[in-house]
PDB file of all heavy atoms in Angstrom:
ATOM      1  N   GLY A   1     240.252 -22.723 211.452  1.00  0.00           N
ATOM      2  CA  GLY A   1     239.895 -21.637 210.494  1.00  0.00           C
ATOM      3  C   GLY A   1     239.717 -20.375 211.187  1.00  0.00           C
ATOM      4  O   GLY A   1     238.993 -20.270 212.150  1.00  0.00           O
ATOM      5  N   LEU A   2     240.286 -19.296 210.758  1.00  0.00           N
ATOM      6  CA  LEU A   2     240.185 -17.963 211.262  1.00  0.00           C
ATOM      7  C   LEU A   2     239.194 -17.209 210.414  1.00  0.00           C
ATOM      8  O   LEU A   2     239.039 -17.370 209.277  1.00  0.00           O
ATOM      9  CB  LEU A   2     241.586 -17.250 211.243  1.00  0.00           C
ATOM     10  CG  LEU A   2     242.797 -17.850 211.900  1.00  0.00           C
ATOM     11  CD1 LEU A   2     243.978 -17.069 211.656  1.00  0.00           C
ATOM     12  CD2 LEU A   2     242.444 -17.927 213.430  1.00  0.00           C
ATOM     13  N   GLU A   3     238.333 -16.455 211.142  1.00  0.00           N
ATOM     14  CA  GLU A   3     237.383 -15.600 210.489  1.00  0.00           C
ATOM     15  C   GLU A   3     237.267 -14.239 211.169  1.00  0.00           C
ATOM     16  O   GLU A   3     237.346 -14.194 212.329  1.00  0.00           O
ATOM     17  CB  GLU A   3     236.056 -16.290 210.334  1.00  0.00           C
ATOM     18  CG  GLU A   3     235.300 -16.699 211.507  1.00  0.00           C
ATOM     19  CD  GLU A   3     234.101 -17.346 211.286  1.00  0.00           C
ATOM     20  OE1 GLU A   3     234.052 -18.577 210.902  1.00  0.00           O
ATOM     21  OE2 GLU A   3     232.955 -16.698 211.442  1.00  0.00           O
ATOM     22  N   SER A   4     236.945 -13.240 210.333  1.00  0.00           N
ATOM     23  CA  SER A   4     236.721 -11.832 210.960  1.00  0.00           C
ATOM     24  C   SER A   4     235.199 -11.695 211.016  1.00  0.00           C
ATOM     25  O   SER A   4     234.530 -11.786 210.000  1.00  0.00           O
ATOM     26  CB  SER A   4     237.383 -10.810 210.059  1.00  0.00           C
ATOM     27  OG  SER A   4     238.761 -10.964 210.043  1.00  0.00           O
ATOM     28  N   ILE A   5     234.730 -11.347 212.271  1.00  0.00           N
ATOM     29  CA  ILE A   5     233.331 -10.997 212.416  1.00  0.00           C
ATOM     30  C   ILE A   5     233.265  -9.625 213.195  1.00  0.00           C
ATOM     31  O   ILE A   5     233.765  -9.433 214.294  1.00  0.00           O
ATOM     32  CB  ILE A   5     232.718 -12.059 213.352  1.00  0.00           C
ATOM     33  CG1 ILE A   5     232.911 -13.490 212.714  1.00  0.00           C
ATOM     34  CG2 ILE A   5     231.237 -11.790 213.617  1.00  0.00           C
ATOM     35  CD1 ILE A   5     232.495 -14.624 213.717  1.00  0.00           C
ATOM     36  N   ASN A   6     232.708  -8.738 212.424  1.00  0.00           N
ATOM     37  CA  ASN A   6     232.572  -7.357 212.953  1.00  0.00           C
ATOM     38  C   ASN A   6     233.909  -6.766 213.575  1.00  0.00           C
ATOM     39  O   ASN A   6     233.918  -6.252 214.640  1.00  0.00           O
ATOM     40  CB  ASN A   6     231.402  -7.321 213.992  1.00  0.00           C
ATOM     41  CG  ASN A   6     230.103  -7.681 213.503  1.00  0.00           C
ATOM     42  OD1 ASN A   6     229.766  -7.337 212.330  1.00  0.00           O
ATOM     43  ND2 ASN A   6     229.343  -8.371 214.207  1.00  0.00           N
ATOM     44  N   GLY A   7     234.967  -6.951 212.805  1.00  0.00           N
ATOM     45  CA  GLY A   7     236.238  -6.480 213.201  1.00  0.00           C
ATOM     46  C   GLY A   7     237.017  -7.347 214.246  1.00  0.00           C
ATOM     47  O   GLY A   7     238.130  -6.968 214.612  1.00  0.00           O
ATOM     48  N   ASN A   8     236.442  -8.411 214.682  1.00  0.00           N
ATOM     49  CA  ASN A   8     236.943  -9.353 215.650  1.00  0.00           C
ATOM     50  C   ASN A   8     237.406 -10.568 214.945  1.00  0.00           C
ATOM     51  O   ASN A   8     236.683 -11.114 214.071  1.00  0.00           O
ATOM     52  CB  ASN A   8     236.080  -9.709 216.835  1.00  0.00           C
ATOM     53  CG  ASN A   8     235.803  -8.472 217.598  1.00  0.00           C
ATOM     54  OD1 ASN A   8     236.652  -7.648 217.967  1.00  0.00           O
ATOM     55  ND2 ASN A   8     234.487  -8.291 217.961  1.00  0.00           N
ATOM     56  N   VAL A   9     238.582 -11.192 215.253  1.00  0.00           N
ATOM     57  CA  VAL A   9     239.011 -12.406 214.640  1.00  0.00           C
ATOM     58  C   VAL A   9     238.681 -13.509 215.639  1.00  0.00           C
ATOM     59  O   VAL A   9     239.059 -13.464 216.825  1.00  0.00           O
ATOM     60  CB  VAL A   9     240.561 -12.441 214.382  1.00  0.00           C
ATOM     61  CG1 VAL A   9     241.012 -13.755 213.813  1.00  0.00           C
ATOM     62  CG2 VAL A   9     240.947 -11.300 213.468  1.00  0.00           C
ATOM     63  N   ARG A  10     237.945 -14.485 215.122  1.00  0.00           N
ATOM     64  CA  ARG A  10     237.580 -15.650 215.786  1.00  0.00           C
ATOM     65  C   ARG A  10     238.073 -16.981 215.065  1.00  0.00           C
ATOM     66  O   ARG A  10     238.563 -16.778 214.017  1.00  0.00           O
ATOM     67  CB  ARG A  10     235.971 -15.757 215.927  1.00  0.00           C
ATOM     68  CG  ARG A  10     235.269 -14.626 216.562  1.00  0.00           C
ATOM     69  CD  ARG A  10     235.547 -14.569 218.034  1.00  0.00           C
ATOM     70  NE  ARG A  10     235.329 -15.759 218.799  1.00  0.00           N
ATOM     71  CZ  ARG A  10     234.150 -16.170 219.310  1.00  0.00           C
ATOM     72  NH1 ARG A  10     233.073 -15.433 219.194  1.00  0.00           N
ATOM     73  NH2 ARG A  10     234.157 -17.322 219.928  1.00  0.00           N
ATOM     74  N   PHE A  11     237.943 -18.053 215.750  1.00  0.00           N
ATOM     75  CA  PHE A  11     238.498 -19.278 215.109  1.00  0.00           C
ATOM     76  C   PHE A  11     237.549 -20.459 215.303  1.00  0.00           C
ATOM     77  O   PHE A  11     236.741 -20.469 216.364  1.00  0.00           O
ATOM     78  CB  PHE A  11     239.867 -19.614 215.574  1.00  0.00           C
ATOM     79  CG  PHE A  11     240.043 -19.922 217.002  1.00  0.00           C
ATOM     80  CD1 PHE A  11     239.902 -21.157 217.582  1.00  0.00           C
ATOM     81  CD2 PHE A  11     240.232 -18.773 217.907  1.00  0.00           C
ATOM     82  CE1 PHE A  11     240.075 -21.444 218.850  1.00  0.00           C
ATOM     83  CE2 PHE A  11     240.389 -19.017 219.204  1.00  0.00           C
ATOM     84  CZ  PHE A  11     240.232 -20.365 219.762  1.00  0.00           C
ATOM     85  N   ASN A  12     237.603 -21.346 214.386  1.00  0.00           N
ATOM     86  CA  ASN A  12     236.812 -22.566 214.414  1.00  0.00           C
ATOM     87  C   ASN A  12     237.853 -23.703 214.412  1.00  0.00           C
ATOM     88  O   ASN A  12     238.890 -23.617 213.825  1.00  0.00           O
ATOM     89  CB  ASN A  12     235.935 -22.725 213.218  1.00  0.00           C
ATOM     90  CG  ASN A  12     234.911 -21.584 213.142  1.00  0.00           C
ATOM     91  OD1 ASN A  12     234.171 -21.275 214.051  1.00  0.00           O
ATOM     92  ND2 ASN A  12     234.997 -20.945 211.918  1.00  0.00           N
ATOM     93  N   ILE A  13     237.455 -24.828 215.010  1.00  0.00           N
ATOM     94  CA  ILE A  13     238.423 -25.980 215.155  1.00  0.00           C
ATOM     95  C   ILE A  13     237.754 -27.230 214.624  1.00  0.00           C
ATOM     96  O   ILE A  13     236.586 -27.514 214.998  1.00  0.00           O
ATOM     97  CB  ILE A  13     238.911 -26.164 216.591  1.00  0.00           C
ATOM     98  CG1 ILE A  13     239.598 -25.007 217.158  1.00  0.00           C
ATOM     99  CG2 ILE A  13     239.758 -27.454 216.749  1.00  0.00           C
ATOM    100  CD1 ILE A  13     240.022 -25.160 218.614  1.00  0.00           C
ATOM    101  N   ASN A  14     238.410 -27.938 213.802  1.00  0.00           N
ATOM    102  CA  ASN A  14     238.015 -29.232 213.282  1.00  0.00           C
ATOM    103  C   ASN A  14     238.743 -30.334 214.168  1.00  0.00           C
ATOM    104  O   ASN A  14     239.824 -30.740 213.955  1.00  0.00           O
ATOM    105  CB  ASN A  14     238.380 -29.494 211.822  1.00  0.00           C
ATOM    106  CG  ASN A  14     237.836 -30.788 211.313  1.00  0.00           C
ATOM    107  OD1 ASN A  14     237.678 -31.706 211.971  1.00  0.00           O
ATOM    108  ND2 ASN A  14     237.577 -30.837 210.024  1.00  0.00           N
ATOM    109  N   LEU A  15     237.985 -30.706 215.250  1.00  0.00           N
ATOM    110  CA  LEU A  15     238.531 -31.663 216.286  1.00  0.00           C
ATOM    111  C   LEU A  15     238.842 -33.049 215.616  1.00  0.00           C
ATOM    112  O   LEU A  15     239.871 -33.637 215.946  1.00  0.00           O
ATOM    113  CB  LEU A  15     237.612 -31.800 217.464  1.00  0.00           C
ATOM    114  CG  LEU A  15     238.221 -32.416 218.634  1.00  0.00           C
ATOM    115  CD1 LEU A  15     239.514 -31.826 219.140  1.00  0.00           C
ATOM    116  CD2 LEU A  15     237.226 -32.506 219.750  1.00  0.00           C
ATOM    117  N   ALA A  16     238.014 -33.472 214.731  1.00  0.00           N
ATOM    118  CA  ALA A  16     238.200 -34.780 214.101  1.00  0.00           C
ATOM    119  C   ALA A  16     239.471 -34.777 213.271  1.00  0.00           C
ATOM    120  O   ALA A  16     240.234 -35.740 213.324  1.00  0.00           O
ATOM    121  CB  ALA A  16     237.073 -35.117 213.209  1.00  0.00           C
ATOM    122  N   ALA A  17     239.770 -33.681 212.600  1.00  0.00           N
ATOM    123  CA  ALA A  17     240.919 -33.583 211.773  1.00  0.00           C
ATOM    124  C   ALA A  17     242.185 -33.446 212.643  1.00  0.00           C
ATOM    125  O   ALA A  17     243.249 -34.118 212.321  1.00  0.00           O
ATOM    126  CB  ALA A  17     240.908 -32.393 210.820  1.00  0.00           C
ATOM    127  N   THR A  18     242.210 -32.774 213.768  1.00  0.00           N
ATOM    128  CA  THR A  18     243.331 -32.750 214.624  1.00  0.00           C
ATOM    129  C   THR A  18     243.638 -34.029 215.212  1.00  0.00           C
ATOM    130  O   THR A  18     244.774 -34.439 215.439  1.00  0.00           O
ATOM    131  CB  THR A  18     243.169 -31.629 215.726  1.00  0.00           C
ATOM    132  OG1 THR A  18     241.975 -31.873 216.501  1.00  0.00           O
ATOM    133  CG2 THR A  18     243.088 -30.241 215.162  1.00  0.00           C
ATOM    134  N   THR A  19     242.607 -34.715 215.652  1.00  0.00           N
ATOM    135  CA  THR A  19     242.782 -35.994 216.254  1.00  0.00           C
ATOM    136  C   THR A  19     243.327 -37.101 215.164  1.00  0.00           C
ATOM    137  O   THR A  19     244.316 -37.734 215.500  1.00  0.00           O
ATOM    138  CB  THR A  19     241.431 -36.596 216.645  1.00  0.00           C
ATOM    139  OG1 THR A  19     240.870 -35.785 217.692  1.00  0.00           O
ATOM    140  CG2 THR A  19     241.564 -37.983 217.334  1.00  0.00           C
ATOM    141  N   LEU A  20     242.954 -36.913 214.031  1.00  0.00           N
ATOM    142  CA  LEU A  20     243.558 -37.758 212.856  1.00  0.00           C
ATOM    143  C   LEU A  20     245.057 -37.490 212.721  1.00  0.00           C
ATOM    144  O   LEU A  20     245.767 -38.329 212.330  1.00  0.00           O
ATOM    145  CB  LEU A  20     242.720 -37.513 211.646  1.00  0.00           C
ATOM    146  CG  LEU A  20     243.155 -38.344 210.376  1.00  0.00           C
ATOM    147  CD1 LEU A  20     242.929 -39.851 210.578  1.00  0.00           C
ATOM    148  CD2 LEU A  20     242.374 -37.832 209.136  1.00  0.00           C
ATOM    149  N   SER A  21     245.363 -36.231 212.978  1.00  0.00           N
ATOM    150  CA  SER A  21     246.736 -35.885 212.793  1.00  0.00           C
ATOM    151  C   SER A  21     247.627 -36.059 214.071  1.00  0.00           C
ATOM    152  O   SER A  21     248.762 -35.652 214.274  1.00  0.00           O
ATOM    153  CB  SER A  21     246.889 -34.398 212.436  1.00  0.00           C
ATOM    154  OG  SER A  21     246.347 -34.259 211.123  1.00  0.00           O
ATOM    155  N   ASP A  22     247.014 -36.771 215.144  1.00  0.00           N
ATOM    156  CA  ASP A  22     247.638 -37.007 216.357  1.00  0.00           C
ATOM    157  C   ASP A  22     248.121 -35.687 217.133  1.00  0.00           C
ATOM    158  O   ASP A  22     249.115 -35.688 217.759  1.00  0.00           O
ATOM    159  CB  ASP A  22     248.808 -37.879 216.229  1.00  0.00           C
ATOM    160  CG  ASP A  22     249.173 -38.609 217.424  1.00  0.00           C
ATOM    161  OD1 ASP A  22     248.288 -38.738 218.336  1.00  0.00           O
ATOM    162  OD2 ASP A  22     250.262 -39.170 217.597  1.00  0.00           O
ATOM    163  N   LEU A  23     247.253 -34.639 216.898  1.00  0.00           N
ATOM    164  CA  LEU A  23     247.502 -33.395 217.629  1.00  0.00           C
ATOM    165  C   LEU A  23     246.466 -33.287 218.703  1.00  0.00           C
ATOM    166  O   LEU A  23     245.289 -33.464 218.427  1.00  0.00           O
ATOM    167  CB  LEU A  23     247.421 -32.213 216.632  1.00  0.00           C
ATOM    168  CG  LEU A  23     248.351 -32.225 215.457  1.00  0.00           C
ATOM    169  CD1 LEU A  23     248.004 -31.078 214.540  1.00  0.00           C
ATOM    170  CD2 LEU A  23     249.817 -32.159 215.888  1.00  0.00           C
ATOM    171  N   LYS A  24     246.940 -32.869 219.895  1.00  0.00           N
ATOM    172  CA  LYS A  24     246.008 -32.817 221.092  1.00  0.00           C
ATOM    173  C   LYS A  24     245.796 -31.316 221.254  1.00  0.00           C
ATOM    174  O   LYS A  24     246.651 -30.526 221.421  1.00  0.00           O
ATOM    175  CB  LYS A  24     246.649 -33.342 222.263  1.00  0.00           C
ATOM    176  CG  LYS A  24     247.240 -34.797 222.185  1.00  0.00           C
ATOM    177  CD  LYS A  24     246.249 -35.789 222.455  1.00  0.00           C
ATOM    178  CE  LYS A  24     246.828 -37.169 222.480  1.00  0.00           C
ATOM    179  NZ  LYS A  24     247.097 -37.773 221.245  1.00  0.00           N
ATOM    180  N   VAL A  25     244.478 -30.940 221.259  1.00  0.00           N
ATOM    181  CA  VAL A  25     244.049 -29.638 221.443  1.00  0.00           C
ATOM    182  C   VAL A  25     243.605 -29.504 222.838  1.00  0.00           C
ATOM    183  O   VAL A  25     242.717 -30.292 223.426  1.00  0.00           O
ATOM    184  CB  VAL A  25     242.818 -29.214 220.483  1.00  0.00           C
ATOM    185  CG1 VAL A  25     242.397 -27.784 220.695  1.00  0.00           C
ATOM    186  CG2 VAL A  25     243.184 -29.541 219.054  1.00  0.00           C
ATOM    187  N   SER A  26     244.119 -28.399 223.536  1.00  0.00           N
ATOM    188  CA  SER A  26     243.756 -28.168 224.912  1.00  0.00           C
ATOM    189  C   SER A  26     242.283 -27.787 225.040  1.00  0.00           C
ATOM    190  O   SER A  26     241.675 -27.247 224.185  1.00  0.00           O
ATOM    191  CB  SER A  26     244.558 -27.144 225.591  1.00  0.00           C
ATOM    192  OG  SER A  26     244.072 -25.745 225.398  1.00  0.00           O
TER     193      SER A  26
END
């Protein structure tokens, strides 16, 4: 999930969902 905070774009990761989809996050 991307979000804008004070003009900066940051991101959140759902590690459980990526694991369920067999995607490996560095």
